[in-house]
Amino acid sequence: MAETEWIDLGPVETLRTQPLQQLMARRTRIALTYKDGQFSAISGVCNHVGGPLGDGDLDGDYVVCPWHYWKFHCRTGLGEPGYEGDAVPVHDVEIRDDHVYVNLTPRTRRTRIRHAPHPLARTPQREDGPIRVAGISTTAMTASYPRYSTSDALLEIAIDHAKETLACETQLIRLNDLAFRACEGFYSKSARACTWPCSITQMDPMDQLDRVYEAFVHWADVILVATPIRWGAASSLYYNSSCQLL
């Protein structure tokens, strides 16, 4: 390979202070690792949606993408066991005069496993039939000790009216009955990190929020959301009302 393809990343003393870091070598993003006294470099671009691998974590020998936790071996670029077909390019590294050099021409190619699309990713298609109304209850309560909820009661009245009086198809989903992981804020890392379908639902087959997505995107014509005024603390409406009494 041509000598001009080698780029000086910086002094060894500086670069070995971090086990994993994202670096730019000209226009090439590099995930540089320092483990067991050895530097290694793989592409800094994740196979999934392009997350910055060097900004993630090092889990043993695997670089973990900070966006959706895909893993690639820090020396071979191969995906974690069972997903070796998903691989990122590997770049050769050399130490010269106490500096770390990386070859911009990768030693291996990027390869991708063809993943079947998630069922939610299908194109929405409305079948013929009556208007469909989905009711979503966001009320949280202890299942063993249920309490009366005015917002839930109003939602049930609305759903019953839609079904009995307006002849609509209806369904009622209570978030309190579902098992799901809370949003992990991938959007705060990058707009591109927030995907459809939700990456959490794609990664976790036990995530039950898919029922809400199915209702919102593929089923309902009308969505009714019932939410309490307060979420464990006085709401702004409650606070502003109390201020008027002072």
Protein backbone atom coordinates (compact mmCIF):
# COMPACT_ATOMS: atom_id res chain seq x y z
CA MET A 1 0.00 0.00 0.00
CA ALA A 2 1.16 3.52 -0.73
CA GLU A 3 3.00 5.31 2.08
CA THR A 4 0.81 8.39 1.62
CA GLU A 5 -2.20 6.40 2.87
CA TRP A 6 -0.77 6.39 6.39
CA ILE A 7 -1.97 9.20 8.66
CA ASP A 8 -0.45 10.34 11.95
CA LEU A 9 -3.15 10.21 14.63
CA GLY A 10 -0.98 11.65 17.39
CA PRO A 11 1.46 10.74 20.16
CA VAL A 12 1.27 7.33 21.79
CA GLU A 13 1.40 8.91 25.26
CA THR A 14 -1.75 10.91 24.54
CA LEU A 15 -3.77 8.30 22.66
CA ARG A 16 -3.21 5.46 25.11
CA THR A 17 -4.94 7.36 27.91
CA GLN A 18 -8.36 6.34 26.52
CA PRO A 19 -9.42 2.75 25.86
CA LEU A 20 -11.74 3.90 23.05
CA GLN A 21 -12.02 7.12 21.09
CA GLN A 22 -13.51 8.47 17.88
CA LEU A 23 -10.99 10.17 15.59
CA MET A 24 -11.11 11.81 12.18
CA ALA A 25 -8.30 10.91 9.79
CA ARG A 26 -8.88 13.29 6.91
CA ARG A 27 -12.47 12.35 6.02
CA THR A 28 -12.37 8.87 7.51
CA ARG A 29 -13.93 8.20 10.91
CA ILE A 30 -11.84 5.83 13.00
CA ALA A 31 -12.69 4.03 16.25
CA LEU A 32 -9.30 3.65 17.92
CA THR A 33 -8.92 1.25 20.84
CA TYR A 34 -6.06 0.71 23.27
CA LYS A 35 -6.30 -2.61 25.06
CA ASP A 36 -3.68 -4.88 26.61
CA GLY A 37 -0.94 -2.52 25.45
CA GLN A 38 -2.03 -2.67 21.81
CA PHE A 39 -3.69 -0.14 19.50
CA SER A 40 -6.36 -1.30 17.05
CA ALA A 41 -8.53 0.60 14.61
CA ILE A 42 -11.86 -0.15 12.99
CA SER A 43 -14.26 2.05 11.10
CA GLY A 44 -15.95 4.59 13.33
CA VAL A 45 -19.25 4.11 11.48
CA CYS A 46 -21.73 1.53 12.77
CA ASN A 47 -23.44 -0.79 10.30
CA HIS A 48 -26.87 -0.09 11.75
CA VAL A 49 -27.66 3.60 11.17
CA GLY A 50 -24.16 5.07 11.14
CA GLY A 51 -23.59 5.66 14.85
CA PRO A 52 -20.13 6.85 16.00
CA LEU A 53 -18.53 3.66 17.29
CA GLY A 54 -15.59 5.44 18.89
CA ASP A 55 -17.96 7.40 21.14
CA GLY A 56 -19.34 4.18 22.61
CA ASP A 57 -17.94 1.75 25.16
CA LEU A 58 -15.50 -1.13 25.17
CA ASP A 59 -17.05 -4.37 26.42
CA GLY A 60 -14.19 -6.85 26.59
CA ASP A 61 -12.93 -7.05 23.01
CA TYR A 62 -16.07 -5.50 21.54
CA VAL A 63 -16.77 -1.88 20.68
CA VAL A 64 -20.37 -1.06 21.63
CA CYS A 65 -22.16 1.55 19.54
CA PRO A 66 -23.57 4.34 21.75
CA TRP A 67 -26.75 4.63 19.69
CA HIS A 68 -28.27 1.14 19.73
CA TYR A 69 -25.57 -1.06 21.31
CA TRP A 70 -24.48 -3.01 18.24
CA LYS A 71 -21.10 -4.66 18.92
CA PHE A 72 -18.00 -5.13 16.76
CA HIS A 73 -14.70 -6.78 17.66
CA CYS A 74 -12.04 -4.13 18.17
CA ARG A 75 -9.41 -6.05 16.16
CA THR A 76 -11.33 -8.12 13.60
CA GLY A 77 -14.29 -5.79 13.04
CA LEU A 78 -16.65 -8.77 13.20
CA GLY A 79 -20.04 -8.50 14.85
CA GLU A 80 -20.71 -10.20 18.17
CA PRO A 81 -21.17 -14.01 18.23
CA GLY A 82 -24.05 -15.00 16.00
CA TYR A 83 -23.75 -11.80 13.96
CA GLU A 84 -20.23 -12.14 12.56
CA GLY A 85 -21.60 -11.45 9.09
CA ASP A 86 -22.16 -7.86 10.20
CA ALA A 87 -18.62 -6.51 10.09
CA VAL A 88 -17.00 -3.08 9.89
CA PRO A 89 -13.71 -2.36 8.09
CA VAL A 90 -10.42 -2.86 9.93
CA HIS A 91 -7.57 -0.38 9.52
CA ASP A 92 -3.92 -1.31 10.07
CA VAL A 93 -2.08 0.56 12.81
CA GLU A 94 1.67 1.17 13.22
CA ILE A 95 3.81 2.90 15.84
CA ARG A 96 6.51 5.16 14.41
CA ASP A 97 8.67 7.50 16.46
CA ASP A 98 6.25 7.26 19.38
CA HIS A 99 3.31 8.27 17.19
CA VAL A 100 0.29 6.20 16.14
CA TYR A 101 -0.28 5.89 12.40
CA VAL A 102 -3.37 4.46 10.72
CA ASN A 103 -3.75 3.29 7.14
CA LEU A 104 -6.76 4.96 5.55
CA THR A 105 -7.15 2.06 3.14
CA PRO A 106 -8.99 -0.60 5.18
CA ARG A 107 -7.63 -4.13 5.34
CA THR A 108 -11.13 -5.65 5.33
CA ARG A 109 -14.46 -4.68 3.81
CA ARG A 110 -17.72 -3.74 5.41
CA THR A 111 -20.25 -6.57 5.24
CA ARG A 112 -23.88 -6.61 6.29
CA ILE A 113 -26.33 -9.35 7.18
CA ARG A 114 -29.69 -8.93 5.53
CA HIS A 115 -32.08 -8.39 8.43
CA ALA A 116 -35.77 -9.01 7.90
CA PRO A 117 -37.76 -5.79 8.34
CA HIS A 118 -39.73 -5.44 11.55
CA PRO A 119 -43.49 -6.05 11.07
CA LEU A 120 -44.20 -2.46 12.11
CA ALA A 121 -42.08 -1.19 9.21
CA ARG A 122 -44.70 -2.23 6.65
CA THR A 123 -46.57 0.43 4.69
CA PRO A 124 -49.83 1.39 6.44
CA GLN A 125 -52.82 0.16 4.47
CA ARG A 126 -56.37 0.99 5.52
CA GLU A 127 -58.88 -1.78 4.95
CA ASP A 128 -62.55 -1.02 4.29
CA GLY A 129 -64.76 -0.83 7.34
CA PRO A 130 -66.17 1.47 10.02
CA ILE A 131 -64.19 4.22 11.71
CA ARG A 132 -61.64 2.82 14.15
CA VAL A 133 -61.10 4.49 17.52
CA ALA A 134 -58.16 3.64 19.78
CA GLY A 135 -58.18 4.73 23.40
CA ILE A 136 -54.88 4.99 25.28
CA SER A 137 -54.85 5.21 29.07
CA THR A 138 -51.66 6.61 30.57
CA THR A 139 -52.82 6.33 34.19
CA ALA A 140 -50.31 4.61 36.47
CA MET A 141 -51.48 2.69 39.51
CA THR A 142 -50.62 -0.38 41.57
CA ALA A 143 -52.32 -3.40 40.03
CA SER A 144 -52.99 -4.99 43.43
CA TYR A 145 -54.69 -1.85 44.75
CA PRO A 146 -56.56 -0.20 41.87
CA ARG A 147 -58.15 3.19 42.45
CA TYR A 148 -60.76 5.24 40.70
CA SER A 149 -59.36 7.41 37.91
CA THR A 150 -61.45 10.22 36.45
CA SER A 151 -59.36 10.28 33.26
CA ASP A 152 -59.84 6.51 32.80
CA ALA A 153 -63.56 6.81 33.49
CA LEU A 154 -63.94 9.53 30.86
CA LEU A 155 -61.97 7.46 28.37
CA GLU A 156 -64.20 4.44 28.94
CA ILE A 157 -67.31 6.59 28.42
CA ALA A 158 -65.87 7.94 25.16
CA ILE A 159 -64.93 4.47 23.91
CA ASP A 160 -68.36 3.06 24.80
CA HIS A 161 -70.06 5.96 23.02
CA ALA A 162 -67.96 5.43 19.90
CA LYS A 163 -68.81 1.73 19.88
CA GLU A 164 -72.48 1.70 20.89
CA THR A 165 -73.75 5.00 19.47
CA LEU A 166 -71.45 5.71 16.54
CA ALA A 167 -70.90 2.06 15.49
CA CYS A 168 -67.12 2.45 15.44
CA GLU A 169 -64.58 -0.30 15.91
CA THR A 170 -62.78 0.34 19.18
CA GLN A 171 -59.91 -0.86 21.30
CA LEU A 172 -58.65 0.29 24.68
CA ILE A 173 -54.98 0.02 25.62
CA ARG A 174 -53.79 0.68 29.16
CA LEU A 175 -50.09 1.47 29.35
CA ASN A 176 -50.13 0.35 32.97
CA ASP A 177 -50.83 -3.22 31.80
CA LEU A 178 -47.94 -3.35 29.33
CA ALA A 179 -44.32 -4.33 29.91
CA PHE A 180 -41.94 -2.04 28.05
CA ARG A 181 -38.68 -0.17 28.41
CA ALA A 182 -38.88 3.57 28.79
CA CYS A 183 -37.48 5.75 26.03
CA GLU A 184 -33.68 5.85 26.34
CA GLY A 185 -33.34 9.25 24.72
CA PHE A 186 -31.46 8.22 21.59
CA TYR A 187 -32.80 11.36 19.90
CA SER A 188 -30.79 13.47 22.35
CA LYS A 189 -27.65 11.85 20.91
CA SER A 190 -28.65 12.39 17.29
CA ALA A 191 -31.87 12.82 15.32
CA ARG A 192 -30.73 9.88 13.19
CA ALA A 193 -30.45 7.70 16.29
CA CYS A 194 -34.23 7.82 16.79
CA THR A 195 -35.56 5.21 14.37
CA TRP A 196 -38.83 3.82 13.14
CA PRO A 197 -39.77 1.31 14.28
CA CYS A 198 -38.37 2.20 17.70
CA SER A 199 -34.98 0.55 18.13
CA ILE A 200 -35.95 -0.71 21.59
CA THR A 201 -38.96 -2.54 20.16
CA GLN A 202 -36.78 -3.95 17.38
CA MET A 203 -34.12 -5.17 19.82
CA ASP A 204 -36.47 -6.56 22.47
CA PRO A 205 -39.09 -9.04 21.22
CA MET A 206 -40.75 -8.91 24.66
CA ASP A 207 -41.35 -5.15 24.45
CA GLN A 208 -45.13 -4.66 24.46
CA LEU A 209 -45.17 -1.07 23.29
CA ASP A 210 -45.51 -2.54 19.79
CA ARG A 211 -49.25 -2.78 20.54
CA VAL A 212 -49.42 1.00 20.87
CA TYR A 213 -47.42 1.54 17.67
CA GLU A 214 -49.61 -0.96 15.83
CA ALA A 215 -52.75 0.86 16.96
CA PHE A 216 -51.43 4.34 16.21
CA VAL A 217 -49.80 3.71 12.85
CA HIS A 218 -51.60 0.77 11.27
CA TRP A 219 -55.07 0.56 12.80
CA ALA A 220 -56.71 3.66 14.24
CA ASP A 221 -58.43 6.52 12.44
CA VAL A 222 -59.05 8.33 15.74
CA ILE A 223 -56.79 8.27 18.81
CA LEU A 224 -58.02 9.27 22.27
CA VAL A 225 -55.35 9.74 24.94
CA ALA A 226 -56.43 10.01 28.58
CA THR A 227 -53.84 11.37 30.98
CA PRO A 228 -54.08 12.51 34.60
CA ILE A 229 -53.52 16.18 35.36
CA ARG A 230 -50.64 15.31 37.68
CA TRP A 231 -47.69 12.92 37.27
CA GLY A 232 -46.56 12.36 40.86
CA ALA A 233 -46.31 16.12 41.46
CA ALA A 234 -48.44 19.21 41.08
CA SER A 235 -48.86 20.06 37.41
CA SER A 236 -48.39 23.57 36.04
CA LEU A 237 -52.19 23.85 35.79
CA TYR A 238 -52.54 22.93 39.47
CA TYR A 239 -49.74 25.32 40.44
CA ASN A 240 -51.12 28.25 38.46
CA SER A 241 -54.60 27.69 39.88
CA SER A 242 -53.29 27.69 43.45
CA CYS A 243 -51.39 30.91 42.79
CA GLN A 244 -54.68 32.65 42.00
CA LEU A 245 -55.83 31.95 45.57
CA LEU A 246 -52.87 33.73 47.17
